[in-house]
PDB file of N, CA and C in Angstrom:
ATOM      1  N   UNK A   1      31.006   0.110 -46.106  1.00  0.00           N
ATOM      2  CA  UNK A   1      30.170   0.842 -47.240  1.00  0.00           C
ATOM      3  C   UNK A   1      28.677   1.184 -46.911  1.00  0.00           C
ATOM      4  N   UNK A   2      28.469   2.438 -47.119  1.00  0.00           N
ATOM      5  CA  UNK A   2      27.392   3.042 -46.644  1.00  0.00           C
ATOM      6  C   UNK A   2      25.802   2.288 -47.469  1.00  0.00           C
ATOM      7  N   UNK A   3      24.923   1.849 -46.730  1.00  0.00           N
ATOM      8  CA  UNK A   3      23.610   1.471 -47.364  1.00  0.00           C
ATOM      9  C   UNK A   3      22.997   2.552 -48.188  1.00  0.00           C
ATOM     10  N   UNK A   4      22.611   2.264 -49.229  1.00  0.00           N
ATOM     11  CA  UNK A   4      21.867   3.204 -50.033  1.00  0.00           C
ATOM     12  C   UNK A   4      20.438   3.030 -49.828  1.00  0.00           C
ATOM     13  N   UNK A   5      19.584   3.957 -49.582  1.00  0.00           N
ATOM     14  CA  UNK A   5      18.133   3.793 -49.202  1.00  0.00           C
ATOM     15  C   UNK A   5      17.590   5.071 -48.827  1.00  0.00           C
ATOM     16  N   UNK A   6      16.395   4.968 -48.699  1.00  0.00           N
ATOM     17  CA  UNK A   6      15.375   6.208 -48.005  1.00  0.00           C
ATOM     18  C   UNK A   6      15.719   6.405 -46.540  1.00  0.00           C
ATOM     19  N   UNK A   7      15.111   7.529 -46.153  1.00  0.00           N
ATOM     20  CA  UNK A   7      15.128   7.729 -44.525  1.00  0.00           C
ATOM     21  C   UNK A   7      14.099   6.948 -43.971  1.00  0.00           C
ATOM     22  N   UNK A   8      12.788   6.761 -44.727  1.00  0.00           N
ATOM     23  CA  UNK A   8      12.095   5.705 -44.116  1.00  0.00           C
ATOM     24  C   UNK A   8      12.505   4.314 -43.876  1.00  0.00           C
ATOM     25  N   UNK A   9      13.270   3.756 -44.799  1.00  0.00           N
ATOM     26  CA  UNK A   9      13.978   2.472 -44.654  1.00  0.00           C
ATOM     27  C   UNK A   9      15.017   2.472 -43.610  1.00  0.00           C
ATOM     28  N   UNK A  10      15.555   3.547 -43.345  1.00  0.00           N
ATOM     29  CA  UNK A  10      16.583   3.601 -42.186  1.00  0.00           C
ATOM     30  C   UNK A  10      15.885   3.680 -40.718  1.00  0.00           C
ATOM     31  N   UNK A  11      14.697   4.376 -40.701  1.00  0.00           N
ATOM     32  CA  UNK A  11      13.913   4.466 -39.499  1.00  0.00           C
ATOM     33  C   UNK A  11      13.372   2.914 -39.361  1.00  0.00           C
ATOM     34  N   UNK A  12      12.995   2.318 -40.312  1.00  0.00           N
ATOM     35  CA  UNK A  12      12.291   0.837 -40.028  1.00  0.00           C
ATOM     36  C   UNK A  12      13.475  -0.049 -39.544  1.00  0.00           C
ATOM     37  N   UNK A  13      14.773   0.164 -40.135  1.00  0.00           N
ATOM     38  CA  UNK A  13      15.751  -0.710 -39.623  1.00  0.00           C
ATOM     39  C   UNK A  13      16.140  -0.389 -38.077  1.00  0.00           C
ATOM     40  N   UNK A  14      16.302   0.983 -37.953  1.00  0.00           N
ATOM     41  CA  UNK A  14      16.433   1.304 -36.399  1.00  0.00           C
ATOM     42  C   UNK A  14      15.433   0.905 -35.517  1.00  0.00           C
ATOM     43  N   UNK A  15      14.143   1.134 -35.919  1.00  0.00           N
ATOM     44  CA  UNK A  15      13.149   0.596 -35.040  1.00  0.00           C
ATOM     45  C   UNK A  15      13.342  -1.134 -34.769  1.00  0.00           C
ATOM     46  N   UNK A  16      13.532  -1.788 -35.784  1.00  0.00           N
ATOM     47  CA  UNK A  16      13.745  -3.252 -35.699  1.00  0.00           C
ATOM     48  C   UNK A  16      14.929  -3.506 -34.759  1.00  0.00           C
ATOM     49  N   UNK A  17      16.055  -2.893 -34.959  1.00  0.00           N
ATOM     50  CA  UNK A  17      17.013  -2.973 -34.085  1.00  0.00           C
ATOM     51  C   UNK A  17      16.768  -2.673 -32.546  1.00  0.00           C
ATOM     52  N   UNK A  18      15.829  -1.599 -32.183  1.00  0.00           N
ATOM     53  CA  UNK A  18      15.571  -1.197 -31.123  1.00  0.00           C
ATOM     54  C   UNK A  18      14.709  -2.360 -30.237  1.00  0.00           C
ATOM     55  N   UNK A  19      13.785  -2.820 -31.201  1.00  0.00           N
ATOM     56  CA  UNK A  19      12.887  -3.756 -30.720  1.00  0.00           C
ATOM     57  C   UNK A  19      13.581  -5.031 -30.442  1.00  0.00           C
ATOM     58  N   UNK A  20      14.436  -5.420 -30.916  1.00  0.00           N
ATOM     59  CA  UNK A  20      15.554  -6.558 -30.690  1.00  0.00           C
ATOM     60  C   UNK A  20      16.045  -6.467 -29.439  1.00  0.00           C
ATOM     61  N   UNK A  21      16.621  -5.154 -29.296  1.00  0.00           N
ATOM     62  CA  UNK A  21      17.336  -5.044 -27.951  1.00  0.00           C
ATOM     63  C   UNK A  21      16.430  -4.863 -26.775  1.00  0.00           C
ATOM     64  N   UNK A  22      15.087  -4.366 -26.852  1.00  0.00           N
ATOM     65  CA  UNK A  22      13.965  -4.475 -26.019  1.00  0.00           C
ATOM     66  C   UNK A  22      13.443  -5.842 -25.772  1.00  0.00           C
ATOM     67  N   UNK A  23      13.563  -6.596 -26.793  1.00  0.00           N
ATOM     68  CA  UNK A  23      13.219  -8.014 -26.408  1.00  0.00           C
ATOM     69  C   UNK A  23      14.229  -8.755 -25.583  1.00  0.00           C
ATOM     70  N   UNK A  24      15.437  -8.378 -25.822  1.00  0.00           N
ATOM     71  CA  UNK A  24      16.468  -9.216 -25.095  1.00  0.00           C
ATOM     72  C   UNK A  24      16.448  -8.666 -23.606  1.00  0.00           C
ATOM     73  N   UNK A  25      16.334  -7.376 -23.535  1.00  0.00           N
ATOM     74  CA  UNK A  25      16.375  -6.882 -22.144  1.00  0.00           C
ATOM     75  C   UNK A  25      15.217  -7.476 -21.387  1.00  0.00           C
ATOM     76  N   UNK A  26      13.878  -7.571 -21.984  1.00  0.00           N
ATOM     77  CA  UNK A  26      12.811  -7.983 -21.323  1.00  0.00           C
ATOM     78  C   UNK A  26      13.030  -9.453 -20.860  1.00  0.00           C
ATOM     79  N   UNK A  27      13.683 -10.355 -21.807  1.00  0.00           N
ATOM     80  CA  UNK A  27      14.031 -11.587 -21.592  1.00  0.00           C
ATOM     81  C   UNK A  27      14.801 -11.938 -20.300  1.00  0.00           C
ATOM     82  N   UNK A  28      15.851 -10.956 -20.304  1.00  0.00           N
ATOM     83  CA  UNK A  28      16.887 -11.067 -19.232  1.00  0.00           C
ATOM     84  C   UNK A  28      16.285 -10.688 -18.011  1.00  0.00           C
ATOM     85  N   UNK A  29      15.479  -9.748 -17.971  1.00  0.00           N
ATOM     86  CA  UNK A  29      15.002  -9.097 -16.666  1.00  0.00           C
ATOM     87  C   UNK A  29      13.920  -9.988 -16.066  1.00  0.00           C
ATOM     88  N   UNK A  30      13.118 -10.641 -16.841  1.00  0.00           N
ATOM     89  CA  UNK A  30      12.096 -11.462 -16.626  1.00  0.00           C
ATOM     90  C   UNK A  30      10.763 -10.782 -16.350  1.00  0.00           C
ATOM     91  N   UNK A  31       9.708 -11.310 -16.107  1.00  0.00           N
ATOM     92  CA  UNK A  31       8.359 -10.545 -16.012  1.00  0.00           C
ATOM     93  C   UNK A  31       8.364  -9.611 -14.960  1.00  0.00           C
ATOM     94  N   UNK A  32       8.677  -9.984 -13.795  1.00  0.00           N
ATOM     95  CA  UNK A  32       8.482  -9.056 -12.468  1.00  0.00           C
ATOM     96  C   UNK A  32       9.675  -8.072 -12.635  1.00  0.00           C
ATOM     97  N   UNK A  33      10.790  -8.421 -12.991  1.00  0.00           N
ATOM     98  CA  UNK A  33      11.869  -7.421 -13.270  1.00  0.00           C
ATOM     99  C   UNK A  33      11.309  -6.234 -14.201  1.00  0.00           C
ATOM    100  N   UNK A  34      10.827  -6.816 -15.210  1.00  0.00           N
ATOM    101  CA  UNK A  34      10.542  -5.904 -16.326  1.00  0.00           C
ATOM    102  C   UNK A  34       9.320  -4.709 -15.830  1.00  0.00           C
ATOM    103  N   UNK A  35       8.446  -5.430 -15.059  1.00  0.00           N
ATOM    104  CA  UNK A  35       7.268  -4.507 -14.436  1.00  0.00           C
ATOM    105  C   UNK A  35       7.979  -3.598 -13.471  1.00  0.00           C
ATOM    106  N   UNK A  36       8.977  -4.003 -12.611  1.00  0.00           N
ATOM    107  CA  UNK A  36       9.455  -3.223 -11.704  1.00  0.00           C
ATOM    108  C   UNK A  36      10.276  -1.935 -12.541  1.00  0.00           C
ATOM    109  N   UNK A  37      10.961  -2.472 -13.442  1.00  0.00           N
ATOM    110  CA  UNK A  37      11.719  -1.291 -14.406  1.00  0.00           C
ATOM    111  C   UNK A  37      10.761  -0.406 -14.942  1.00  0.00           C
ATOM    112  N   UNK A  38       9.451  -0.849 -15.666  1.00  0.00           N
ATOM    113  CA  UNK A  38       8.504   0.024 -16.220  1.00  0.00           C
ATOM    114  C   UNK A  38       8.099   1.022 -15.210  1.00  0.00           C
ATOM    115  N   UNK A  39       7.748   0.459 -13.841  1.00  0.00           N
ATOM    116  CA  UNK A  39       7.182   1.370 -12.783  1.00  0.00           C
ATOM    117  C   UNK A  39       8.145   2.470 -12.430  1.00  0.00           C
ATOM    118  N   UNK A  40       9.510   2.028 -12.328  1.00  0.00           N
ATOM    119  CA  UNK A  40      10.511   3.178 -11.963  1.00  0.00           C
ATOM    120  C   UNK A  40      10.618   4.233 -13.292  1.00  0.00           C
ATOM    121  N   UNK A  41      10.556   3.774 -14.365  1.00  0.00           N
ATOM    122  CA  UNK A  41      10.746   4.611 -15.506  1.00  0.00           C
ATOM    123  C   UNK A  41       9.321   5.631 -15.466  1.00  0.00           C
ATOM    124  N   UNK A  42       8.245   5.041 -15.228  1.00  0.00           N
ATOM    125  CA  UNK A  42       7.054   5.896 -15.059  1.00  0.00           C
ATOM    126  C   UNK A  42       7.023   6.941 -13.983  1.00  0.00           C
ATOM    127  N   UNK A  43       7.747   6.422 -12.725  1.00  0.00           N
ATOM    128  CA  UNK A  43       7.868   7.313 -11.578  1.00  0.00           C
ATOM    129  C   UNK A  43       8.850   8.321 -12.059  1.00  0.00           C
ATOM    130  N   UNK A  44       9.776   8.187 -12.779  1.00  0.00           N
ATOM    131  CA  UNK A  44      10.750   9.173 -13.074  1.00  0.00           C
ATOM    132  C   UNK A  44      10.140  10.161 -13.982  1.00  0.00           C
ATOM    133  N   UNK A  45       9.324   9.726 -14.997  1.00  0.00           N
ATOM    134  CA  UNK A  45       8.769  10.723 -15.955  1.00  0.00           C
ATOM    135  C   UNK A  45       7.591  11.484 -15.313  1.00  0.00           C
ATOM    136  N   UNK A  46       6.912  11.072 -14.391  1.00  0.00           N
ATOM    137  CA  UNK A  46       6.025  11.729 -13.623  1.00  0.00           C
ATOM    138  C   UNK A  46       6.704  12.844 -12.750  1.00  0.00           C
ATOM    139  N   UNK A  47       7.713  12.598 -12.126  1.00  0.00           N
ATOM    140  CA  UNK A  47       8.534  13.451 -11.288  1.00  0.00           C
ATOM    141  C   UNK A  47       8.981  14.665 -12.165  1.00  0.00           C
ATOM    142  N   UNK A  48       9.587  14.191 -13.511  1.00  0.00           N
ATOM    143  CA  UNK A  48       9.893  15.205 -14.464  1.00  0.00           C
ATOM    144  C   UNK A  48       8.894  16.111 -14.877  1.00  0.00           C
ATOM    145  N   UNK A  49       7.838  15.563 -15.014  1.00  0.00           N
ATOM    146  CA  UNK A  49       6.620  16.331 -15.515  1.00  0.00           C
ATOM    147  C   UNK A  49       6.252  17.377 -14.479  1.00  0.00           C
ATOM    148  N   UNK A  50       6.173  16.946 -13.296  1.00  0.00           N
ATOM    149  CA  UNK A  50       5.758  17.641 -12.024  1.00  0.00           C
ATOM    150  C   UNK A  50       6.566  18.928 -12.040  1.00  0.00           C
ATOM    151  N   UNK A  51       8.019  18.594 -12.057  1.00  0.00           N
ATOM    152  CA  UNK A  51       9.124  19.705 -11.992  1.00  0.00           C
ATOM    153  C   UNK A  51       8.870  20.680 -13.091  1.00  0.00           C
ATOM    154  N   UNK A  52       8.708  20.153 -14.458  1.00  0.00           N
ATOM    155  CA  UNK A  52       8.378  20.938 -15.450  1.00  0.00           C
ATOM    156  C   UNK A  52       7.232  21.834 -15.431  1.00  0.00           C
ATOM    157  N   UNK A  53       6.237  21.289 -14.835  1.00  0.00           N
ATOM    158  CA  UNK A  53       4.892  21.979 -14.666  1.00  0.00           C
ATOM    159  C   UNK A  53       5.048  23.212 -13.546  1.00  0.00           C
ATOM    160  N   UNK A  54       5.908  23.134 -12.557  1.00  0.00           N
ATOM    161  CA  UNK A  54       5.952  24.082 -11.549  1.00  0.00           C
ATOM    162  C   UNK A  54       7.281  24.825 -11.764  1.00  0.00           C
ATOM    163  N   UNK A  55       8.112  24.656 -12.667  1.00  0.00           N
ATOM    164  CA  UNK A  55       9.385  25.251 -12.703  1.00  0.00           C
ATOM    165  C   UNK A  55       9.065  26.803 -13.062  1.00  0.00           C
ATOM    166  N   UNK A  56       8.097  27.276 -13.629  1.00  0.00           N
ATOM    167  CA  UNK A  56       7.834  28.812 -13.949  1.00  0.00           C
ATOM    168  C   UNK A  56       7.606  29.338 -12.475  1.00  0.00           C
ATOM    169  N   UNK A  57       6.821  28.554 -11.542  1.00  0.00           N
ATOM    170  CA  UNK A  57       6.532  29.188 -10.324  1.00  0.00           C
ATOM    171  C   UNK A  57       7.733  29.464  -9.591  1.00  0.00           C
ATOM    172  N   UNK A  58       8.641  28.349  -9.508  1.00  0.00           N
ATOM    173  CA  UNK A  58       9.852  28.454  -8.885  1.00  0.00           C
ATOM    174  C   UNK A  58      10.739  29.562  -9.347  1.00  0.00           C
ATOM    175  N   UNK A  59      10.778  29.882 -10.512  1.00  0.00           N
ATOM    176  CA  UNK A  59      11.605  30.798 -11.118  1.00  0.00           C
ATOM    177  C   UNK A  59      11.026  32.322 -10.689  1.00  0.00           C
ATOM    178  N   UNK A  60       9.667  32.349 -10.547  1.00  0.00           N
ATOM    179  CA  UNK A  60       9.098  33.731 -10.204  1.00  0.00           C
ATOM    180  C   UNK A  60       9.150  33.948  -8.696  1.00  0.00           C
ATOM    181  N   UNK A  61       9.193  32.906  -7.726  1.00  0.00           N
ATOM    182  CA  UNK A  61       9.377  32.984  -6.261  1.00  0.00           C
ATOM    183  C   UNK A  61      10.668  33.357  -5.905  1.00  0.00           C
ATOM    184  N   UNK A  62      11.683  33.010  -6.839  1.00  0.00           N
ATOM    185  CA  UNK A  62      13.134  33.305  -6.551  1.00  0.00           C
ATOM    186  C   UNK A  62      13.285  34.723  -6.811  1.00  0.00           C
ATOM    187  N   UNK A  63      12.517  35.351  -7.588  1.00  0.00           N
ATOM    188  CA  UNK A  63      12.678  36.779  -7.663  1.00  0.00           C
ATOM    189  C   UNK A  63      12.187  37.651  -6.493  1.00  0.00           C
ATOM    190  N   UNK A  64      12.847  38.833  -6.198  1.00  0.00           N
ATOM    191  CA  UNK A  64      12.235  39.745  -5.164  1.00  0.00           C
ATOM    192  C   UNK A  64      11.050  40.091  -5.499  1.00  0.00           C
ATOM    193  N   UNK A  65      10.279  40.183  -4.341  1.00  0.00           N
ATOM    194  CA  UNK A  65       8.820  40.646  -4.468  1.00  0.00           C
ATOM    195  C   UNK A  65       8.779  42.118  -4.956  1.00  0.00           C
ATOM    196  N   UNK A  66       8.039  42.514  -5.933  1.00  0.00           N
ATOM    197  CA  UNK A  66       8.007  43.891  -6.391  1.00  0.00           C
ATOM    198  C   UNK A  66       7.629  45.051  -5.399  1.00  0.00           C
ATOM    199  N   UNK A  67       6.797  44.575  -4.560  1.00  0.00           N
ATOM    200  CA  UNK A  67       6.093  45.511  -3.551  1.00  0.00           C
ATOM    201  C   UNK A  67       6.506  45.277  -2.207  1.00  0.00           C
ATOM    202  N   UNK A  68       6.632  46.183  -1.377  1.00  0.00           N
ATOM    203  CA  UNK A  68       6.971  45.759   0.088  1.00  0.00           C
ATOM    204  C   UNK A  68       5.717  45.357   0.925  1.00  0.00           C
ATOM    205  N   UNK A  69       6.024  44.555   1.676  1.00  0.00           N
ATOM    206  CA  UNK A  69       4.838  43.861   2.517  1.00  0.00           C
ATOM    207  C   UNK A  69       4.526  45.019   3.429  1.00  0.00           C
ATOM    208  N   UNK A  70       3.241  45.236   3.800  1.00  0.00           N
ATOM    209  CA  UNK A  70       3.004  46.317   4.537  1.00  0.00           C
ATOM    210  C   UNK A  70       2.229  45.657   5.829  1.00  0.00           C
ATOM    211  N   UNK A  71       2.478  46.268   6.863  1.00  0.00           N
ATOM    212  CA  UNK A  71       2.121  45.527   8.135  1.00  0.00           C
ATOM    213  C   UNK A  71       0.505  45.789   8.166  1.00  0.00           C
ATOM    214  N   UNK A  72      -0.281  44.924   8.912  1.00  0.00           N
ATOM    215  CA  UNK A  72      -1.796  44.976   8.879  1.00  0.00           C
ATOM    216  C   UNK A  72      -2.236  46.128   9.680  1.00  0.00           C
ATOM    217  N   UNK A  73      -1.382  46.772  10.473  1.00  0.00           N
ATOM    218  CA  UNK A  73      -2.115  47.765  11.297  1.00  0.00           C
ATOM    219  C   UNK A  73      -2.412  49.105  10.451  1.00  0.00           C
ATOM    220  N   UNK A  74      -1.924  49.087   9.167  1.00  0.00           N
ATOM    221  CA  UNK A  74      -2.218  50.442   8.450  1.00  0.00           C
ATOM    222  C   UNK A  74      -3.654  50.201   7.792  1.00  0.00           C
ATOM    223  N   UNK A  75      -4.249  49.023   7.739  1.00  0.00           N
ATOM    224  CA  UNK A  75      -5.658  48.904   7.316  1.00  0.00           C
ATOM    225  C   UNK A  75      -6.562  49.064   8.463  1.00  0.00           C
ATOM    226  N   UNK A  76      -7.493  50.065   8.123  1.00  0.00           N
ATOM    227  CA  UNK A  76      -8.481  50.601   9.182  1.00  0.00           C
ATOM    228  C   UNK A  76      -9.737  49.932   8.754  1.00  0.00           C
ATOM    229  N   UNK A  77     -10.618  49.725   9.766  1.00  0.00           N
ATOM    230  CA  UNK A  77     -11.896  49.083   9.458  1.00  0.00           C
ATOM    231  C   UNK A  77     -12.598  49.941   8.379  1.00  0.00           C
ATOM    232  N   UNK A  78     -13.485  49.166   7.721  1.00  0.00           N
ATOM    233  CA  UNK A  78     -14.287  49.759   6.766  1.00  0.00           C
ATOM    234  C   UNK A  78     -15.347  50.813   7.044  1.00  0.00           C
ATOM    235  N   UNK A  79     -15.167  52.049   6.873  1.00  0.00           N
ATOM    236  CA  UNK A  79     -16.152  53.037   7.259  1.00  0.00           C
ATOM    237  C   UNK A  79     -17.408  52.856   6.694  1.00  0.00           C
ATOM    238  N   UNK A  80     -17.721  52.418   5.495  1.00  0.00           N
ATOM    239  CA  UNK A  80     -19.084  52.386   5.113  1.00  0.00           C
ATOM    240  C   UNK A  80     -19.845  51.233   5.679  1.00  0.00           C
ATOM    241  N   UNK A  81     -19.030  50.244   6.025  1.00  0.00           N
ATOM    242  CA  UNK A  81     -19.649  49.097   6.822  1.00  0.00           C
ATOM    243  C   UNK A  81     -20.105  49.558   8.138  1.00  0.00           C
ATOM    244  N   UNK A  82     -19.365  50.393   8.791  1.00  0.00           N
ATOM    245  CA  UNK A  82     -19.741  50.733  10.188  1.00  0.00           C
ATOM    246  C   UNK A  82     -20.739  51.924  10.106  1.00  0.00           C
ATOM    247  N   UNK A  83     -20.814  52.536   8.861  1.00  0.00           N
ATOM    248  CA  UNK A  83     -21.886  53.612   8.817  1.00  0.00           C
ATOM    249  C   UNK A  83     -23.251  52.914   8.644  1.00  0.00           C
ATOM    250  N   UNK A  84     -23.241  51.807   7.660  1.00  0.00           N
ATOM    251  CA  UNK A  84     -24.510  51.041   7.579  1.00  0.00           C
ATOM    252  C   UNK A  84     -25.015  50.370   8.821  1.00  0.00           C
ATOM    253  N   UNK A  85     -23.996  50.014   9.526  1.00  0.00           N
ATOM    254  CA  UNK A  85     -24.352  49.367  10.826  1.00  0.00           C
ATOM    255  C   UNK A  85     -24.989  50.320  11.785  1.00  0.00           C
ATOM    256  N   UNK A  86     -24.368  51.490  11.841  1.00  0.00           N
ATOM    257  CA  UNK A  86     -24.834  52.538  12.742  1.00  0.00           C
ATOM    258  C   UNK A  86     -26.287  53.057  12.350  1.00  0.00           C
ATOM    259  N   UNK A  87     -26.376  53.350  10.955  1.00  0.00           N
ATOM    260  CA  UNK A  87     -27.736  53.668  10.515  1.00  0.00           C
ATOM    261  C   UNK A  87     -28.876  52.568  10.807  1.00  0.00           C
ATOM    262  N   UNK A  88     -28.559  51.221  10.732  1.00  0.00           N
ATOM    263  CA  UNK A  88     -29.429  50.212  11.138  1.00  0.00           C
ATOM    264  C   UNK A  88     -29.783  50.148  12.559  1.00  0.00           C
ATOM    265  N   UNK A  89     -28.693  50.375  13.477  1.00  0.00           N
ATOM    266  CA  UNK A  89     -28.770  50.329  14.846  1.00  0.00           C
ATOM    267  C   UNK A  89     -29.601  51.554  15.369  1.00  0.00           C
ATOM    268  N   UNK A  90     -29.439  52.724  14.815  1.00  0.00           N
ATOM    269  CA  UNK A  90     -30.332  53.827  15.089  1.00  0.00           C
ATOM    270  C   UNK A  90     -31.880  53.612  14.579  1.00  0.00           C
ATOM    271  N   UNK A  91     -31.991  53.100  13.491  1.00  0.00           N
ATOM    272  CA  UNK A  91     -33.412  52.912  12.966  1.00  0.00           C
ATOM    273  C   UNK A  91     -34.070  51.858  13.894  1.00  0.00           C
ATOM    274  N   UNK A  92     -33.365  50.733  14.298  1.00  0.00           N
ATOM    275  CA  UNK A  92     -34.094  49.853  15.245  1.00  0.00           C
ATOM    276  C   UNK A  92     -34.356  50.542  16.501  1.00  0.00           C
ATOM    277  N   UNK A  93     -33.578  51.472  17.036  1.00  0.00           N
ATOM    278  CA  UNK A  93     -33.874  52.141  18.258  1.00  0.00           C
ATOM    279  C   UNK A  93     -35.148  53.049  18.009  1.00  0.00           C
ATOM    280  N   UNK A  94     -35.292  53.780  16.802  1.00  0.00           N
ATOM    281  CA  UNK A  94     -36.343  54.633  16.659  1.00  0.00           C
ATOM    282  C   UNK A  94     -37.606  53.570  16.595  1.00  0.00           C
ATOM    283  N   UNK A  95     -37.501  52.687  15.920  1.00  0.00           N
ATOM    284  CA  UNK A  95     -38.675  51.604  15.829  1.00  0.00           C
ATOM    285  C   UNK A  95     -39.058  51.275  17.183  1.00  0.00           C
ATOM    286  N   UNK A  96     -38.138  50.911  18.006  1.00  0.00           N
ATOM    287  CA  UNK A  96     -38.449  50.498  19.566  1.00  0.00           C
ATOM    288  C   UNK A  96     -39.087  51.651  20.123  1.00  0.00           C
ATOM    289  N   UNK A  97     -38.929  52.927  19.941  1.00  0.00           N
ATOM    290  CA  UNK A  97     -39.413  54.033  20.641  1.00  0.00           C
ATOM    291  C   UNK A  97     -40.891  54.010  20.285  1.00  0.00           C
ATOM    292  N   UNK A  98     -41.368  53.769  19.105  1.00  0.00           N
ATOM    293  CA  UNK A  98     -42.580  53.783  18.578  1.00  0.00           C
ATOM    294  C   UNK A  98     -43.478  52.751  19.010  1.00  0.00           C
ATOM    295  N   UNK A  99     -42.984  51.429  19.283  1.00  0.00           N
ATOM    296  CA  UNK A  99     -43.618  50.235  19.942  1.00  0.00           C
ATOM    297  C   UNK A  99     -44.042  50.277  21.085  1.00  0.00           C
TER     298      UNK A  99
END
């Protein structure tokens, strides 16, 4: 026969049953075994969170890159920088002439 009651009462009964199971498990494992078990559970959780955190990046890296990689020889030196250095060098030479 199904027990009549509210959902809250059902959750309370379920929580009590789970606490009893956990207490029995802790008793059987002992203090050191329980600590070792908790440490393993924590390590699994941390690994899961790390995988979930970087999963989007793995999916993006699996896709082909949208632009072709260009070789570095296509890039020429910056002309403006060379122009500025040339003007500066010429100005220094002219100052040396006057000194």
